[in-house]
Amino acid sequence: MAQPTETASVEDLLLEADQIIAEASRKGKPRNEYLVSARAKVAMLPLEQRKMDQTDVVALKAEIESARLLLKSSNNDRVSRGMVYTCIFLSMLLMFLVGSLSLVYNRGVALLTEIQTLAAQQPDRRFGQLERQLLIAQDELFSPDQVQLANLPVELGGKPEDAKVQTKRPIDELARESSYLTLHELRDLNFKLKSLETRVGDFENLSDSPFPGVLKLETFVTTAMASGRDIVGAFKTADVTMSGSPTPETKPDGAGDADAAKPPPAGSDTMNFFCQAQPAAKPEVIDGATTQAISAAELAAHASSSQVLGMDMRRIVGQACKYSLNYVSMTVPSVDSWALRIKDAIDPYAVWILPCLYAALGSMIYYMRLILDTTQPNPPVYRIAHRMALAALAGMILAWFWGPTFGNNSEFKSVGFGLFTFAFVVGFSIDVFFALLDRLVFVSTNAISKFGAS
């Protein structure tokens, strides 16, 4: 039984010699005549003489070891080292891109989930309910009738013969606690809405400039360009002034006052745009200035125009200013529109950006492992670029198929495969992608063959 084993070992030596000769030829190395001669001698041996202790086989083994050392040293030349450094740089670059963009995508998904959870609670409708409940509760608790009733004396005493104690009637504590709870819930909802609005704006800025330092660089470039334009404008103004013509900065009388009189842009934040001093109904001296009186007819006109479904919006705005609320019921932003904006921002990451990058990273890992094998030649640059481009294209196609075809597949879920994980595997082993395409072609062919069958 030893003869087939030794023969197989000799055949492996012949194959290894062929690989070394081919690799040396690809690298442009001179032909190793000693290795070629030793291989030819072993190849001419009959099968019964092909043993590992045979003289020609031992000589071939020695030549193979020598040629392998020569190729290993050739892998350490300047070109090979440059290839390794290039692969390392590309790997670090892909790692940075994948890490930064994955962080942005995960943050967007978490924010979208939080917005969808809040949207299911209909915050705009709930905000209006709490707002009206608090306003009505304050009217009932602290109206003049209730205050007068609370100041009436009450006689306390358990028995007729007990001494009577004079005290005041307390305001309904249960109703007051209910009002406090309503106020706390209203302020909490206001804080959630304001926090989400701020985070949505921050995320949109982050999705536009997802890499650390890019936004600062854009700001610096924009500032530098604006400063350059100002300098050029100053020189032009100086030239025009010296020539005696009117400067572009000259404005007709009253133009500056007109610019200063422009109102600030409207917005939805109550604290910034609605909480302003209201004109008094009677002339009063405030900080040395006399307020302008408003007639009863004007007050009636303002009051009628501020009524919305029987609610005085001036009182609602005043309540919002009193409790430092950022919104009133008429200015609560649409949470559903926030969800659509976040979804529009993260869709490109999920559809093609991240799948392409994960697949390209997988292909780079494949080549990094290949470079570690000293018996194999280092791949040329064009092969690395071709493999990375093919992997990126495969990752994007996989993202197209993922939702309708593989997203709910139990076999993928059982091994913990997500879209990005599968894209990385496809990039590392492109044969997985080709096997997937072959399977889809087979299924499609079977489905088409059933058309018209009775």
Protein backbone atom coordinates (compact mmCIF):
# COMPACT_ATOMS: atom_id res chain seq x y z
CA MET A 1 0.00 0.00 0.00
CA ALA A 2 3.05 2.30 0.26
CA GLN A 3 3.60 2.49 -3.50
CA PRO A 4 0.48 4.62 -4.36
CA THR A 5 1.23 7.00 -1.50
CA GLU A 6 4.83 7.62 -2.57
CA THR A 7 3.77 7.94 -6.20
CA ALA A 8 1.21 10.56 -5.24
CA SER A 9 3.86 12.47 -3.28
CA VAL A 10 6.17 12.47 -6.29
CA GLU A 11 3.31 13.72 -8.46
CA ASP A 12 2.74 16.55 -5.98
CA LEU A 13 6.41 17.49 -6.32
CA LEU A 14 6.07 17.62 -10.09
CA LEU A 15 2.99 19.87 -9.80
CA GLU A 16 4.76 22.16 -7.35
CA ALA A 17 7.73 22.40 -9.70
CA ASP A 18 5.40 23.40 -12.53
CA GLN A 19 3.82 26.10 -10.34
CA ILE A 20 7.20 27.53 -9.36
CA ILE A 21 8.36 27.61 -12.99
CA ALA A 22 5.14 29.35 -14.06
CA GLU A 23 5.37 31.88 -11.22
CA ALA A 24 8.97 32.72 -12.09
CA SER A 25 7.93 33.25 -15.70
CA ARG A 26 5.11 35.62 -14.67
CA LYS A 27 7.50 37.64 -12.55
CA GLY A 28 9.99 37.94 -15.39
CA LYS A 29 12.65 35.92 -13.59
CA PRO A 30 15.29 34.00 -15.60
CA ARG A 31 14.56 30.36 -16.35
CA ASN A 32 15.79 28.01 -13.61
CA GLU A 33 17.53 25.39 -15.73
CA TYR A 34 18.49 23.25 -12.72
CA LEU A 35 14.87 22.96 -11.63
CA VAL A 36 13.70 22.24 -15.20
CA SER A 37 16.34 19.54 -15.64
CA ALA A 38 15.57 17.90 -12.29
CA ARG A 39 11.85 17.89 -13.10
CA ALA A 40 12.47 16.32 -16.51
CA LYS A 41 14.52 13.53 -14.96
CA VAL A 42 11.80 12.67 -12.44
CA ALA A 43 9.09 12.83 -15.09
CA MET A 44 10.98 10.23 -17.18
CA LEU A 45 11.12 7.74 -14.29
CA PRO A 46 8.78 4.73 -14.51
CA LEU A 47 6.05 4.48 -11.89
CA GLU A 48 7.76 1.73 -9.92
CA GLN A 49 10.86 3.92 -9.44
CA ARG A 50 9.02 7.04 -8.32
CA LYS A 51 9.87 6.89 -4.65
CA MET A 52 10.76 9.66 -2.25
CA ASP A 53 14.19 8.18 -1.52
CA GLN A 54 15.12 7.86 -5.18
CA THR A 55 18.14 10.00 -6.13
CA ASP A 56 16.46 12.08 -8.84
CA VAL A 57 13.41 12.69 -6.60
CA VAL A 58 15.64 13.89 -3.75
CA ALA A 59 17.46 16.20 -6.17
CA LEU A 60 14.12 17.60 -7.43
CA LYS A 61 13.01 18.24 -3.86
CA ALA A 62 16.22 20.16 -3.15
CA GLU A 63 15.82 22.26 -6.30
CA ILE A 64 12.22 23.05 -5.36
CA GLU A 65 13.30 24.30 -1.93
CA SER A 66 16.02 26.43 -3.48
CA ALA A 67 13.67 27.89 -6.11
CA ARG A 68 11.06 28.61 -3.43
CA LEU A 69 13.59 30.60 -1.41
CA LEU A 70 14.50 32.59 -4.50
CA LEU A 71 10.86 33.42 -5.19
CA LYS A 72 10.31 34.35 -1.55
CA SER A 73 13.21 36.78 -1.69
CA SER A 74 11.86 38.18 -4.95
CA ASN A 75 8.57 38.89 -3.20
CA ASN A 76 10.44 41.31 -0.95
CA ASP A 77 11.63 43.58 -3.75
CA ARG A 78 10.56 47.21 -4.05
CA VAL A 79 7.56 46.52 -6.28
CA SER A 80 6.19 43.83 -3.97
CA ARG A 81 6.64 46.03 -0.92
CA GLY A 82 4.85 48.85 -2.72
CA MET A 83 1.99 46.48 -3.50
CA VAL A 84 1.73 45.48 0.15
CA TYR A 85 1.75 49.10 1.31
CA THR A 86 -0.92 49.93 -1.27
CA CYS A 87 -3.14 47.13 0.00
CA ILE A 88 -2.60 48.26 3.59
CA PHE A 89 -3.54 51.84 2.69
CA LEU A 90 -6.67 50.72 0.83
CA SER A 91 -7.65 48.49 3.74
CA MET A 92 -7.30 51.33 6.25
CA LEU A 93 -9.21 53.68 3.96
CA LEU A 94 -12.05 51.19 3.52
CA MET A 95 -12.09 50.54 7.26
CA PHE A 96 -12.46 54.27 7.92
CA LEU A 97 -15.19 54.68 5.31
CA VAL A 98 -17.16 51.64 6.44
CA GLY A 99 -16.86 52.56 10.13
CA SER A 100 -17.88 56.19 9.68
CA LEU A 101 -20.80 55.52 7.34
CA SER A 102 -22.03 52.55 9.39
CA LEU A 103 -22.12 54.80 12.45
CA VAL A 104 -24.17 57.38 10.54
CA TYR A 105 -26.53 54.71 9.22
CA ASN A 106 -27.06 53.09 12.63
CA ARG A 107 -27.74 56.48 14.19
CA GLY A 108 -30.29 57.22 11.49
CA VAL A 109 -32.03 53.88 11.96
CA ALA A 110 -32.26 54.43 15.73
CA LEU A 111 -33.61 57.96 15.22
CA LEU A 112 -36.15 56.72 12.67
CA THR A 113 -37.37 54.05 15.09
CA GLU A 114 -37.80 56.65 17.84
CA ILE A 115 -39.70 58.98 15.51
CA GLN A 116 -42.01 56.20 14.32
CA THR A 117 -42.73 55.23 17.93
CA LEU A 118 -43.66 58.82 18.77
CA ALA A 119 -45.70 59.22 15.58
CA ALA A 120 -47.88 56.25 16.56
CA GLN A 121 -48.91 58.22 19.69
CA GLN A 122 -50.21 61.15 17.56
CA PRO A 123 -48.25 63.83 19.47
CA ASP A 124 -49.86 66.78 17.68
CA ARG A 125 -53.33 65.69 18.74
CA ARG A 126 -52.18 64.87 22.27
CA PHE A 127 -50.41 68.23 22.56
CA GLY A 128 -53.63 70.07 21.74
CA GLN A 129 -55.63 68.02 24.24
CA LEU A 130 -53.18 68.69 27.07
CA GLU A 131 -53.00 72.36 26.14
CA ARG A 132 -56.76 72.80 26.34
CA GLN A 133 -57.10 70.69 29.49
CA LEU A 134 -54.53 72.81 31.29
CA LEU A 135 -56.15 76.05 30.18
CA ILE A 136 -59.62 74.96 31.30
CA ALA A 137 -58.31 73.55 34.58
CA GLN A 138 -56.62 76.85 35.41
CA ASP A 139 -59.82 78.73 34.66
CA GLU A 140 -61.78 76.47 36.99
CA LEU A 141 -59.24 76.35 39.81
CA PHE A 142 -58.14 79.96 39.95
CA SER A 143 -61.23 81.81 38.79
CA PRO A 144 -62.44 84.71 41.02
CA ASP A 145 -65.37 82.59 42.22
CA GLN A 146 -63.10 79.77 43.32
CA VAL A 147 -60.70 82.14 45.05
CA GLN A 148 -63.58 83.86 46.85
CA LEU A 149 -64.99 80.47 47.85
CA ALA A 150 -61.62 79.42 49.19
CA ASN A 151 -61.44 82.54 51.37
CA LEU A 152 -64.81 81.87 53.04
CA PRO A 153 -64.48 80.72 56.68
CA VAL A 154 -65.50 77.17 57.53
CA GLU A 155 -66.43 75.90 60.99
CA LEU A 156 -64.77 72.65 61.99
CA GLY A 157 -66.00 70.47 64.87
CA GLY A 158 -67.10 66.90 65.32
CA LYS A 159 -69.88 67.29 67.94
CA PRO A 160 -72.35 70.05 68.70
CA GLU A 161 -70.77 70.61 72.10
CA ASP A 162 -67.23 70.90 70.63
CA ALA A 163 -65.66 74.30 70.14
CA LYS A 164 -65.92 75.67 66.61
CA VAL A 165 -62.67 76.44 64.80
CA GLN A 166 -62.70 79.06 62.06
CA THR A 167 -60.59 78.12 58.97
CA LYS A 168 -60.63 78.68 55.22
CA ARG A 169 -61.99 76.34 52.56
CA PRO A 170 -59.03 74.81 50.61
CA ILE A 171 -58.97 74.68 46.83
CA ASP A 172 -59.73 71.22 45.45
CA GLU A 173 -56.38 69.45 45.95
CA LEU A 174 -57.28 66.57 43.64
CA ALA A 175 -58.07 68.92 40.78
CA ARG A 176 -54.90 70.88 41.41
CA GLU A 177 -52.74 67.72 41.36
CA SER A 178 -54.44 66.70 38.14
CA SER A 179 -53.51 70.07 36.66
CA TYR A 180 -49.91 69.61 37.73
CA LEU A 181 -49.78 66.19 36.08
CA THR A 182 -51.24 67.67 32.90
CA LEU A 183 -48.61 70.40 32.96
CA HIS A 184 -45.78 67.89 33.47
CA GLU A 185 -47.03 65.70 30.63
CA LEU A 186 -47.35 68.72 28.36
CA ARG A 187 -43.83 69.91 29.15
CA ASP A 188 -42.45 66.39 28.69
CA LEU A 189 -44.11 66.08 25.27
CA ASN A 190 -42.82 69.53 24.34
CA PHE A 191 -39.28 68.48 25.33
CA LYS A 192 -39.51 65.29 23.25
CA LEU A 193 -40.68 67.18 20.19
CA LYS A 194 -38.01 69.86 20.52
CA SER A 195 -35.28 67.29 21.14
CA LEU A 196 -36.31 65.24 18.12
CA GLU A 197 -36.52 68.34 15.93
CA THR A 198 -32.98 69.29 16.91
CA ARG A 199 -31.66 65.77 16.37
CA VAL A 200 -33.34 65.49 12.97
CA GLY A 201 -31.62 68.69 11.85
CA ASP A 202 -28.27 67.51 13.26
CA PHE A 203 -28.62 64.15 11.52
CA GLU A 204 -29.38 65.76 8.17
CA ASN A 205 -26.19 67.81 8.53
CA LEU A 206 -24.30 64.66 9.54
CA SER A 207 -25.61 62.68 6.57
CA ASP A 208 -24.43 65.46 4.23
CA SER A 209 -20.95 65.51 5.85
CA PRO A 210 -20.56 62.07 7.47
CA PHE A 211 -16.79 62.09 7.95
CA PRO A 212 -15.13 63.77 10.95
CA GLY A 213 -13.58 67.09 10.06
CA VAL A 214 -15.26 67.47 6.67
CA LEU A 215 -17.83 69.96 7.95
CA LYS A 216 -15.09 72.06 9.56
CA LEU A 217 -13.12 71.94 6.31
CA GLU A 218 -16.18 73.05 4.33
CA THR A 219 -16.74 75.91 6.79
CA PHE A 220 -13.10 76.97 6.51
CA VAL A 221 -13.18 76.91 2.69
CA THR A 222 -16.47 78.84 2.62
CA THR A 223 -15.11 81.45 5.03
CA ALA A 224 -11.90 81.79 3.04
CA MET A 225 -13.82 82.25 -0.21
CA ALA A 226 -16.09 84.85 1.41
CA SER A 227 -13.06 86.71 2.77
CA GLY A 228 -11.48 86.65 -0.69
CA ARG A 229 -14.62 88.11 -2.23
CA ASP A 230 -14.66 90.85 0.42
CA ILE A 231 -11.05 91.76 -0.35
CA VAL A 232 -11.73 91.87 -4.09
CA GLY A 233 -14.83 93.98 -3.44
CA ALA A 234 -12.82 96.39 -1.30
CA PHE A 235 -10.27 96.90 -4.10
CA LYS A 236 -13.05 97.46 -6.64
CA THR A 237 -14.72 99.97 -4.31
CA ALA A 238 -11.44 101.82 -3.86
CA ASP A 239 -10.93 102.03 -7.63
CA VAL A 240 -14.45 103.33 -8.22
CA THR A 241 -14.09 105.90 -5.43
CA MET A 242 -10.84 107.24 -6.85
CA SER A 243 -12.47 107.61 -10.27
CA GLY A 244 -15.22 109.80 -8.75
CA SER A 245 -18.17 107.56 -9.53
CA PRO A 246 -20.72 106.70 -6.86
CA THR A 247 -19.79 103.61 -4.89
CA PRO A 248 -21.98 100.55 -4.96
CA GLU A 249 -22.34 100.86 -1.23
CA THR A 250 -24.22 104.18 -1.55
CA LYS A 251 -27.92 103.80 -0.86
CA PRO A 252 -30.77 106.26 -1.25
CA ASP A 253 -32.06 108.02 1.81
CA GLY A 254 -34.11 105.79 4.00
CA ALA A 255 -32.80 102.55 2.48
CA GLY A 256 -30.93 101.64 5.64
CA ASP A 257 -34.01 102.28 7.75
CA ALA A 258 -36.05 100.11 5.42
CA ASP A 259 -33.57 97.26 5.78
CA ALA A 260 -33.55 97.64 9.53
CA ALA A 261 -37.34 97.64 9.61
CA LYS A 262 -37.61 94.23 7.95
CA PRO A 263 -39.31 91.77 10.30
CA PRO A 264 -37.44 88.67 11.36
CA PRO A 265 -38.25 85.47 9.46
CA ALA A 266 -41.24 83.57 10.71
CA GLY A 267 -40.77 80.28 12.51
CA SER A 268 -42.54 77.68 14.57
CA ASP A 269 -40.71 78.13 17.86
CA THR A 270 -43.08 79.82 20.30
CA MET A 271 -40.29 81.01 22.59
CA ASN A 272 -38.50 82.80 19.74
CA PHE A 273 -41.34 84.20 17.66
CA PHE A 274 -44.56 84.38 19.71
CA CYS A 275 -43.52 85.32 23.23
CA GLN A 276 -43.41 89.07 22.71
CA ALA A 277 -44.86 91.90 24.74
CA GLN A 278 -48.59 92.37 24.15
CA PRO A 279 -49.94 95.94 23.73
CA ALA A 280 -51.76 97.18 26.78
CA ALA A 281 -55.47 98.10 26.75
CA LYS A 282 -54.74 101.30 28.70
CA PRO A 283 -51.80 103.70 28.58
CA GLU A 284 -49.18 102.64 31.13
CA VAL A 285 -45.69 103.80 31.93
CA ILE A 286 -43.24 100.90 31.55
CA ASP A 287 -39.49 101.58 31.86
CA GLY A 288 -40.07 105.27 31.25
CA ALA A 289 -42.08 104.71 28.03
CA THR A 290 -45.83 105.11 27.62
CA THR A 291 -47.67 102.28 25.92
CA GLN A 292 -50.24 103.09 23.27
CA ALA A 293 -53.84 102.59 24.29
CA ILE A 294 -56.09 100.33 22.21
CA SER A 295 -59.76 101.13 21.81
CA ALA A 296 -62.50 98.74 22.82
CA ALA A 297 -63.44 98.22 19.17
CA GLU A 298 -59.87 97.25 18.31
CA LEU A 299 -59.76 94.88 21.27
CA ALA A 300 -63.02 93.28 20.12
CA ALA A 301 -61.64 92.92 16.59
CA HIS A 302 -58.42 91.34 17.87
CA ALA A 303 -60.37 89.03 20.15
CA SER A 304 -62.69 87.87 17.37
CA SER A 305 -59.80 87.24 14.97
CA SER A 306 -57.89 85.19 17.55
CA GLN A 307 -60.71 82.73 18.17
CA VAL A 308 -60.16 79.20 16.81
CA LEU A 309 -63.03 76.78 17.49
CA GLY A 310 -64.00 78.81 20.54
CA MET A 311 -60.45 78.92 21.97
CA ASP A 312 -58.66 82.22 22.39
CA MET A 313 -55.27 81.68 20.75
CA ARG A 314 -53.84 84.67 22.60
CA ARG A 315 -54.45 82.89 25.89
CA ILE A 316 -52.96 79.67 24.51
CA VAL A 317 -49.85 81.51 23.34
CA GLY A 318 -49.66 83.31 26.68
CA GLN A 319 -49.85 79.97 28.48
CA ALA A 320 -47.07 78.58 26.28
CA CYS A 321 -44.89 81.59 27.05
CA LYS A 322 -45.66 81.29 30.76
CA TYR A 323 -44.53 77.67 30.93
CA SER A 324 -41.63 78.02 28.43
CA LEU A 325 -43.17 75.78 25.79
CA ASN A 326 -41.62 75.73 22.33
CA TYR A 327 -44.88 75.02 20.52
CA VAL A 328 -48.60 75.57 20.61
CA SER A 329 -51.10 73.15 19.15
CA MET A 330 -51.24 75.05 15.86
CA THR A 331 -47.43 74.98 15.39
CA VAL A 332 -46.55 71.41 16.40
CA PRO A 333 -44.41 70.06 13.53
CA SER A 334 -45.38 66.96 11.60
CA VAL A 335 -43.57 63.94 13.04
CA ASP A 336 -44.39 61.92 9.92
CA SER A 337 -42.48 64.42 7.80
CA TRP A 338 -39.45 63.92 10.08
CA ALA A 339 -39.66 60.17 9.46
CA LEU A 340 -39.76 60.74 5.70
CA ARG A 341 -36.76 63.07 5.85
CA ILE A 342 -34.71 60.59 7.87
CA LYS A 343 -35.71 57.74 5.56
CA ASP A 344 -34.68 59.77 2.52
CA ALA A 345 -31.33 60.45 4.20
CA ILE A 346 -30.51 56.81 5.07
CA ASP A 347 -31.90 55.12 1.95
CA PRO A 348 -28.73 55.72 -0.14
CA TYR A 349 -26.65 54.17 2.65
CA ALA A 350 -28.75 51.00 2.67
CA VAL A 351 -29.33 50.69 -1.09
CA TRP A 352 -25.82 51.06 -2.49
CA ILE A 353 -23.22 52.95 -0.42
CA LEU A 354 -22.69 50.54 2.48
CA PRO A 355 -23.27 47.28 0.51
CA CYS A 356 -20.64 48.38 -2.01
CA LEU A 357 -18.15 49.34 0.69
CA TYR A 358 -18.66 46.13 2.71
CA ALA A 359 -18.20 44.01 -0.42
CA ALA A 360 -15.07 45.97 -1.42
CA LEU A 361 -13.70 45.50 2.10
CA GLY A 362 -14.32 41.75 1.81
CA SER A 363 -12.41 41.57 -1.48
CA MET A 364 -9.53 43.52 0.06
CA ILE A 365 -9.38 41.07 2.98
CA TYR A 366 -9.17 38.25 0.42
CA TYR A 367 -6.15 39.83 -1.26
CA MET A 368 -4.50 40.65 2.05
CA ARG A 369 -4.68 36.96 2.94
CA LEU A 370 -3.35 36.03 -0.50
CA ILE A 371 -0.32 38.28 -0.02
CA LEU A 372 0.51 36.46 3.22
CA ASP A 373 1.04 33.23 1.23
CA THR A 374 4.69 33.35 0.17
CA THR A 375 4.26 30.43 -2.23
CA GLN A 376 1.78 32.41 -4.33
CA PRO A 377 2.66 35.42 -6.47
CA ASN A 378 1.42 38.83 -5.41
CA PRO A 379 -1.59 39.88 -7.50
CA PRO A 380 -1.11 42.77 -9.93
CA VAL A 381 -2.88 46.06 -9.36
CA TYR A 382 -5.36 45.62 -12.19
CA ARG A 383 -6.58 42.32 -10.72
CA ILE A 384 -7.14 43.93 -7.32
CA ALA A 385 -9.03 46.84 -8.90
CA HIS A 386 -11.13 44.48 -11.03
CA ARG A 387 -12.00 42.28 -8.06
CA MET A 388 -12.95 45.24 -5.89
CA ALA A 389 -15.13 46.76 -8.63
CA LEU A 390 -16.83 43.41 -9.21
CA ALA A 391 -17.41 42.96 -5.47
CA ALA A 392 -18.88 46.46 -5.14
CA LEU A 393 -21.24 45.81 -8.05
CA ALA A 394 -22.24 42.48 -6.53
CA GLY A 395 -22.95 44.16 -3.18
CA MET A 396 -25.21 46.73 -4.83
CA ILE A 397 -27.11 44.04 -6.78
CA LEU A 398 -27.45 42.04 -3.59
CA ALA A 399 -29.01 45.08 -1.88
CA TRP A 400 -31.59 45.28 -4.69
CA PHE A 401 -32.53 41.64 -4.16
CA TRP A 402 -32.39 41.69 -0.38
CA GLY A 403 -35.78 43.12 0.54
CA PRO A 404 -38.13 41.12 -1.68
CA THR A 405 -36.01 37.95 -1.98
CA PHE A 406 -33.79 37.36 1.06
CA GLY A 407 -34.88 39.79 3.76
CA ASN A 408 -37.38 37.39 5.37
CA ASN A 409 -35.58 34.15 4.51
CA SER A 410 -35.43 31.91 7.59
CA GLU A 411 -32.17 30.25 6.51
CA PHE A 412 -30.37 33.58 6.36
CA LYS A 413 -31.81 34.60 9.72
CA SER A 414 -30.76 31.29 11.32
CA VAL A 415 -27.07 32.03 10.64
CA GLY A 416 -27.42 35.70 11.59
CA PHE A 417 -26.93 37.02 8.06
CA GLY A 418 -27.86 40.61 7.46
CA LEU A 419 -27.44 42.59 4.27
CA PHE A 420 -24.06 44.05 5.15
CA THR A 421 -22.70 40.74 6.47
CA PHE A 422 -23.75 38.94 3.31
CA ALA A 423 -22.24 41.71 1.16
CA PHE A 424 -18.92 41.25 3.00
CA VAL A 425 -19.03 37.48 2.41
CA VAL A 426 -19.82 38.01 -1.27
CA GLY A 427 -16.85 40.37 -1.57
CA PHE A 428 -14.53 37.89 0.14
CA SER A 429 -15.69 34.97 -2.02
CA ILE A 430 -17.20 36.14 -5.29
CA ASP A 431 -18.12 32.53 -6.08
CA VAL A 432 -20.96 32.87 -3.56
CA PHE A 433 -22.47 35.62 -5.68
CA PHE A 434 -22.11 33.63 -8.89
CA ALA A 435 -23.69 30.59 -7.23
CA LEU A 436 -26.57 32.82 -6.13
CA LEU A 437 -27.05 34.11 -9.67
CA ASP A 438 -26.95 30.58 -11.06
CA ARG A 439 -29.61 29.56 -8.57
CA LEU A 440 -31.81 32.50 -9.54
CA VAL A 441 -31.39 31.65 -13.22
CA PHE A 442 -32.37 28.04 -12.51
CA VAL A 443 -35.48 29.08 -10.57
CA SER A 444 -36.47 31.60 -13.23
CA THR A 445 -36.01 29.03 -16.00
CA ASN A 446 -38.24 26.53 -14.22
CA ALA A 447 -40.89 29.20 -13.65
CA ILE A 448 -40.85 30.29 -17.28
CA SER A 449 -41.02 26.68 -18.51
CA LYS A 450 -44.37 26.29 -16.75
CA PHE A 451 -46.01 29.03 -18.83
CA GLY A 452 -48.67 27.56 -21.08
CA ALA A 453 -48.38 24.10 -19.54
CA SER A 454 -51.75 22.42 -19.05
